[in-house]
Protein backbone atom coordinates (compact mmCIF):
# COMPACT_ATOMS: atom_id res chain seq x y z
CA UNK A 1 -36.76 5.38 21.68
CA UNK A 2 -38.11 3.28 18.80
CA UNK A 3 -36.07 0.12 18.26
CA UNK A 4 -36.62 -2.54 15.62
CA UNK A 5 -34.66 -4.88 13.44
CA UNK A 6 -33.90 -4.71 9.73
CA UNK A 7 -35.63 -8.06 9.24
CA UNK A 8 -38.87 -6.51 10.50
CA UNK A 9 -38.57 -3.76 7.89
CA UNK A 10 -37.76 -6.32 5.20
CA UNK A 11 -40.89 -8.24 6.15
CA UNK A 12 -42.98 -5.06 6.03
CA UNK A 13 -41.65 -4.31 2.56
CA UNK A 14 -42.37 -7.87 1.36
CA UNK A 15 -45.96 -7.75 2.63
CA UNK A 16 -46.55 -4.44 0.85
CA UNK A 17 -45.02 -5.78 -2.38
CA UNK A 18 -46.92 -9.09 -2.28
CA UNK A 19 -50.20 -7.79 -0.84
CA UNK A 20 -50.80 -10.60 1.68
CA UNK A 21 -48.98 -12.19 4.58
CA UNK A 22 -49.15 -15.58 2.88
CA UNK A 23 -47.46 -14.49 -0.34
CA UNK A 24 -44.87 -12.51 1.63
CA UNK A 25 -44.09 -15.67 3.62
CA UNK A 26 -43.51 -17.62 0.39
CA UNK A 27 -41.21 -14.89 -0.93
CA UNK A 28 -39.16 -14.72 2.26
CA UNK A 29 -39.10 -18.46 2.95
CA UNK A 30 -40.94 -18.02 6.27
CA UNK A 31 -44.14 -19.51 7.63
CA UNK A 32 -47.15 -17.19 7.61
CA UNK A 33 -47.18 -17.17 11.40
CA UNK A 34 -43.52 -16.02 11.42
CA UNK A 35 -44.45 -13.11 9.15
CA UNK A 36 -47.35 -12.22 11.48
CA UNK A 37 -45.01 -12.34 14.49
CA UNK A 38 -42.45 -10.03 12.86
CA UNK A 39 -45.11 -7.49 11.86
CA UNK A 40 -46.53 -7.64 15.39
CA UNK A 41 -43.04 -7.00 16.81
CA UNK A 42 -42.64 -4.02 14.47
CA UNK A 43 -46.02 -2.61 15.53
CA UNK A 44 -45.07 -2.90 19.20
CA UNK A 45 -41.83 -1.06 18.45
CA UNK A 46 -43.47 1.84 16.59
CA UNK A 47 -46.49 2.01 18.90
CA UNK A 48 -49.32 1.37 16.44
CA UNK A 49 -50.67 -0.70 13.57
CA UNK A 50 -48.81 -0.58 10.28
CA UNK A 51 -51.51 -2.46 8.35
CA UNK A 52 -55.30 -2.42 8.15
CA UNK A 53 -56.28 -6.07 7.92
CA UNK A 54 -59.57 -6.55 6.05
CA UNK A 55 -59.39 -10.31 6.54
CA UNK A 56 -59.89 -13.11 4.05
CA UNK A 57 -58.10 -13.02 0.70
CA UNK A 58 -58.19 -9.26 0.44
CA UNK A 59 -54.87 -7.39 0.29
CA UNK A 60 -53.71 -5.65 3.42
CA UNK A 61 -53.43 -1.86 3.35
CA UNK A 62 -50.82 0.38 4.96
CA UNK A 63 -51.97 2.65 7.73
CA UNK A 64 -50.64 6.24 7.72
CA UNK A 65 -48.11 5.15 10.36
CA UNK A 66 -47.19 2.16 8.21
CA UNK A 67 -46.56 4.45 5.23
CA UNK A 68 -44.11 6.52 7.30
CA UNK A 69 -42.32 3.41 8.58
CA UNK A 70 -42.15 1.92 5.07
CA UNK A 71 -40.69 5.07 3.47
CA UNK A 72 -37.91 5.41 6.03
CA UNK A 73 -37.52 1.65 6.34
CA UNK A 74 -36.79 1.31 2.63
CA UNK A 75 -34.05 3.94 2.98
CA UNK A 76 -32.52 1.93 5.82
CA UNK A 77 -32.76 -1.31 3.84
CA UNK A 78 -31.08 0.34 0.86
CA UNK A 79 -28.27 1.66 3.07
CA UNK A 80 -27.83 -1.76 4.67
CA UNK A 81 -27.63 -3.39 1.25
CA UNK A 82 -25.13 -0.77 0.13
CA UNK A 83 -23.06 -1.35 3.28
CA UNK A 84 -23.09 -5.11 2.74
CA UNK A 85 -21.99 -4.66 -0.86
CA UNK A 86 -19.18 -2.30 0.19
CA UNK A 87 -17.99 -4.78 2.81
CA UNK A 88 -18.00 -7.58 0.23
CA UNK A 89 -15.97 -5.39 -2.16
CA UNK A 90 -13.55 -4.48 0.64
CA UNK A 91 -13.07 -8.12 1.60
CA UNK A 92 -12.49 -8.96 -2.05
CA UNK A 93 -9.58 -6.48 -2.10
CA UNK A 94 -11.13 -3.27 -3.31
CA UNK A 95 -10.87 0.02 -1.46
CA UNK A 96 -7.90 2.36 -1.12
CA UNK A 97 -4.28 1.79 -0.16
CA UNK A 98 -1.70 4.54 0.45
CA UNK A 99 1.91 3.48 -0.14
CA UNK A 100 5.10 5.38 0.69
CA UNK A 101 7.89 4.75 -1.79
CA UNK A 102 11.24 6.01 -3.07
CA UNK A 103 12.87 6.18 -6.51
CA UNK A 104 14.23 2.71 -7.17
CA UNK A 105 11.13 1.08 -5.69
CA UNK A 106 8.94 3.37 -7.78
CA UNK A 107 10.87 2.55 -10.94
CA UNK A 108 11.49 -1.18 -10.55
CA UNK A 109 9.29 -2.84 -7.94
CA UNK A 110 5.99 -0.99 -7.97
CA UNK A 111 5.18 -1.02 -11.73
CA UNK A 112 4.65 -4.82 -11.88
CA UNK A 113 2.91 -4.71 -8.49
CA UNK A 114 0.49 -2.01 -9.65
CA UNK A 115 -0.16 -3.81 -12.97
CA UNK A 116 -1.09 -7.02 -11.18
CA UNK A 117 -3.36 -5.23 -8.71
CA UNK A 118 -5.06 -3.41 -11.60
CA UNK A 119 -5.58 -6.70 -13.44
CA UNK A 120 -6.99 -8.46 -10.37
CA UNK A 121 -8.91 -5.55 -8.82
CA UNK A 122 -9.72 -2.85 -11.40
CA UNK A 123 -11.67 -0.78 -8.84
CA UNK A 124 -8.80 -0.65 -6.33
CA UNK A 125 -7.68 2.88 -5.45
CA UNK A 126 -3.86 2.91 -5.20
CA UNK A 127 -2.15 6.11 -4.00
CA UNK A 128 1.66 6.47 -4.06
CA UNK A 129 3.67 9.03 -2.09
CA UNK A 130 7.38 9.34 -2.89
CA UNK A 131 9.68 10.80 -0.25
CA UNK A 132 13.46 10.80 0.17
CA UNK A 133 13.59 11.35 3.93
CA UNK A 134 15.46 9.90 6.87
CA UNK A 135 13.76 8.95 9.14
CA UNK A 136 10.87 7.93 6.90
CA UNK A 137 7.50 9.66 7.18
CA UNK A 138 4.78 7.05 7.70
CA UNK A 139 1.85 9.14 8.94
CA UNK A 140 -1.32 8.38 7.05
CA UNK A 141 0.24 5.53 5.04
CA UNK A 142 -0.91 1.92 4.95
CA UNK A 143 2.45 0.60 3.72
CA UNK A 144 5.91 2.14 3.53
CA UNK A 145 9.02 1.09 1.59
CA UNK A 146 12.36 2.09 3.12
CA UNK A 147 15.98 1.14 2.48
CA UNK A 148 16.79 -0.06 5.96
CA UNK A 149 15.11 -1.39 9.05
CA UNK A 150 12.72 1.15 10.56
CA UNK A 151 12.68 1.82 14.27
CA UNK A 152 9.61 2.55 16.31
CA UNK A 153 6.16 1.02 16.57
CA UNK A 154 6.05 -0.75 13.20
CA UNK A 155 5.92 -4.22 11.75
CA UNK A 156 8.13 -4.82 8.73
CA UNK A 157 9.34 -7.47 6.36
CA UNK A 158 12.48 -7.46 4.22
CA UNK A 159 11.48 -7.60 0.55
CA UNK A 160 14.86 -7.61 -1.21
CA UNK A 161 18.62 -7.37 -0.65
CA UNK A 162 20.10 -5.01 -3.22
CA UNK A 163 23.82 -5.35 -4.19
CA UNK A 164 26.05 -2.30 -4.68
CA UNK A 165 28.30 -1.96 -7.75
CA UNK A 166 30.75 0.59 -9.08
CA UNK A 167 29.47 2.44 -12.16
CA UNK A 168 32.13 3.94 -14.43
CA UNK A 169 32.81 4.86 -18.02
CA UNK A 170 34.10 1.90 -19.99
CA UNK A 171 37.90 1.83 -19.86
CA UNK A 172 38.22 3.79 -16.60
CA UNK A 173 39.20 0.55 -14.83
CA UNK A 174 40.53 -2.82 -16.05
CA UNK A 175 37.99 -5.58 -16.44
CA UNK A 176 37.16 -7.36 -13.22
CA UNK A 177 36.63 -6.35 -9.60
CA UNK A 178 37.92 -2.99 -8.40
CA UNK A 179 39.56 -2.58 -4.96
CA UNK A 180 37.70 -0.20 -2.68
CA UNK A 181 40.93 1.77 -2.10
CA UNK A 182 40.98 2.64 -5.81
CA UNK A 183 38.18 5.11 -5.04
CA UNK A 184 40.38 7.17 -2.68
CA UNK A 185 40.60 10.72 -4.01
CA UNK A 186 38.68 9.78 -7.15
CA UNK A 187 35.92 12.15 -8.38
CA UNK A 188 32.56 10.65 -7.46
CA UNK A 189 28.92 11.47 -8.11
CA UNK A 190 26.75 10.46 -5.19
CA UNK A 191 23.32 10.69 -3.65
CA UNK A 192 22.71 12.84 -0.55
CA UNK A 193 24.17 11.27 2.61
CA UNK A 194 20.84 10.06 3.99
CA UNK A 195 19.20 6.64 4.30
CA UNK A 196 21.50 3.82 3.14
CA UNK A 197 23.88 6.22 1.38
CA UNK A 198 25.01 7.41 4.81
CA UNK A 199 25.93 3.82 5.75
CA UNK A 200 27.92 3.38 2.51
CA UNK A 201 29.92 6.52 3.21
CA UNK A 202 30.69 5.28 6.72
CA UNK A 203 32.12 2.13 5.12
CA UNK A 204 34.45 4.32 3.00
CA UNK A 205 35.57 6.22 6.08
CA UNK A 206 36.18 3.08 8.14
CA UNK A 207 38.34 1.71 5.29
CA UNK A 208 40.32 4.95 5.12
CA UNK A 209 38.93 5.70 1.65
CA UNK A 210 37.88 9.27 0.85
CA UNK A 211 36.38 9.72 -2.62
CA UNK A 212 36.17 13.32 -3.82
CA UNK A 213 32.43 14.01 -4.05
CA UNK A 214 31.98 16.44 -6.95
CA UNK A 215 28.17 16.34 -7.20
CA UNK A 216 25.26 15.07 -5.15
CA UNK A 217 21.74 14.50 -6.40
CA UNK A 218 18.77 12.48 -5.18
CA UNK A 219 17.92 11.69 -8.82
CA UNK A 220 19.23 8.25 -9.81
CA UNK A 221 19.16 9.19 -13.48
CA UNK A 222 21.05 12.37 -12.65
CA UNK A 223 23.83 10.35 -11.04
CA UNK A 224 24.15 8.11 -14.10
CA UNK A 225 23.99 11.07 -16.47
CA UNK A 226 26.95 12.73 -14.75
CA UNK A 227 28.96 9.48 -14.79
CA UNK A 228 28.20 9.20 -18.49
CA UNK A 229 29.40 12.79 -18.96
CA UNK A 230 32.73 11.93 -17.31
CA UNK A 231 32.21 13.90 -14.13
CA UNK A 232 33.14 10.95 -11.91
CA UNK A 233 32.30 7.40 -10.92
CA UNK A 234 29.38 6.28 -8.76
CA UNK A 235 28.62 3.46 -6.35
CA UNK A 236 24.97 2.51 -6.74
CA UNK A 237 22.64 -0.33 -5.78
CA UNK A 238 21.56 -2.48 -8.72
CA UNK A 239 17.90 -1.64 -8.26
CA UNK A 240 18.70 2.03 -8.88
CA UNK A 241 20.42 1.37 -12.23
CA UNK A 242 19.14 1.16 -15.76
CA UNK A 243 22.15 1.10 -18.07
CA UNK A 244 20.51 -0.63 -21.01
CA UNK A 245 20.97 2.42 -23.21
CA UNK A 246 24.59 2.90 -22.09
CA UNK A 247 26.25 -0.39 -22.99
CA UNK A 248 28.81 1.37 -25.20
CA UNK A 249 29.68 4.01 -22.58
CA UNK A 250 29.17 2.67 -19.07
CA UNK A 251 29.87 -0.59 -17.27
CA UNK A 252 29.64 -1.92 -13.72
CA UNK A 253 32.33 -3.52 -11.54
CA UNK A 254 32.21 -5.45 -8.32
CA UNK A 255 33.97 -3.71 -5.42
CA UNK A 256 36.42 -5.65 -3.26
CA UNK A 257 35.67 -6.00 -0.44
CA UNK A 258 32.00 -6.23 -1.40
CA UNK A 259 29.81 -3.63 0.27
CA UNK A 260 27.05 -4.97 2.48
CA UNK A 261 23.78 -5.28 0.60
CA UNK A 262 21.17 -2.56 0.78
CA UNK A 263 18.13 -4.04 2.56
CA UNK A 264 14.71 -2.81 1.45
CA UNK A 265 11.80 -3.28 3.84
CA UNK A 266 8.05 -2.90 3.56
CA UNK A 267 6.58 -1.65 6.84
CA UNK A 268 3.22 -0.84 8.41
CA UNK A 269 2.04 0.40 11.81
CA UNK A 270 2.24 -2.25 14.52
CA UNK A 271 -1.09 -3.43 15.84
CA UNK A 272 -2.97 -2.10 12.83
CA UNK A 273 -4.87 -4.67 10.80
CA UNK A 274 -3.95 -4.54 7.12
CA UNK A 275 -6.85 -4.33 4.70
CA UNK A 276 -7.21 -7.18 2.20
CA UNK A 277 -5.96 -4.79 -0.50
CA UNK A 278 -2.86 -3.82 1.51
CA UNK A 279 -2.22 -7.49 2.28
CA UNK A 280 -2.46 -8.29 -1.44
CA UNK A 281 0.04 -5.51 -2.22
CA UNK A 282 2.41 -7.04 0.32
CA UNK A 283 2.04 -10.55 -1.11
CA UNK A 284 2.54 -9.43 -4.72
CA UNK A 285 5.54 -7.30 -3.71
CA UNK A 286 7.23 -10.36 -2.23
CA UNK A 287 6.58 -12.32 -5.43
CA UNK A 288 7.88 -9.50 -7.65
CA UNK A 289 11.04 -8.96 -5.60
CA UNK A 290 11.78 -12.68 -5.61
CA UNK A 291 11.61 -12.57 -9.41
CA UNK A 292 13.91 -9.53 -9.53
CA UNK A 293 16.47 -11.09 -7.18
CA UNK A 294 16.41 -14.34 -9.17
CA UNK A 295 17.63 -12.43 -12.24
CA UNK A 296 20.67 -11.12 -10.37
CA UNK A 297 23.84 -13.23 -10.10
CA UNK A 298 24.76 -14.69 -6.73
CA UNK A 299 27.65 -12.22 -6.57
CA UNK A 300 27.23 -8.51 -7.08
CA UNK A 301 30.13 -8.50 -9.50
CA UNK A 302 32.38 -10.97 -11.26
CA UNK A 303 33.95 -8.58 -13.70
CA UNK A 304 32.95 -5.52 -15.65
CA UNK A 305 29.52 -5.60 -17.21
CA UNK A 306 28.11 -3.50 -19.97
CA UNK A 307 24.61 -2.67 -18.91
CA UNK A 308 22.29 -3.66 -16.17
CA UNK A 309 22.12 -7.30 -15.12
CA UNK A 310 18.87 -9.08 -15.71
């Protein structure tokens, strides 16, 4: 088996380009004897001379074997250079990242994250996959958002705590907090009882409160649309709401007792090294969610509010 090093091929190419061992040495920053040694090592590896050496100042000439080695060697050098460039781009944060998401993350957290990645790394390939499943499906993903701690062989970090509020038509309740028991028997529009919604409904049951669910939809906008239409009230996390166009119709109230916050995590497979791009997505996500949380009041309520906070 023929074995040689890329530096031997690079030296061969330099000698051919420059015509002499001396000029090749100047180009490569070697001594002439070092160039001679590398060519000799290459000839031992391929089993024959790669140059005819006329001696004196005359240019060396490739042998037929040397021509074969040079042609294939230049292909290898080009591939090595391409590999080095790709590694440099990867380490700089380019490449591809696959991210699992869900509605409120897609609508509120990821847009500023994606914009910043695009500004910093225009060649980055970002792929988003939105699922509303419980348990979450993480196969093939680099990062996964989920509203709750994920079990199994994963690493995860909490990115935001999302308060729940009551969403109702203006005038349905007096200004101020609303007791949880006021929801008993009341028509309610809700999401499917999966993920954190299942936990919220267990809280109702433990408090002896049984809202009358009249419609379920996984579409956050669909929930708000039905509340606006008067079909019922809704209990939603702040991150899922956008009531800016509904200030005259809808408002939010704090519930008493306050529901435990929805915790949103960003997870990845345990023991798997994150790429620089995935790590940058994680870092920017934490910055973005800190900014979002800073716009929310310390309490989830404090009265009725016309429109989304922040």
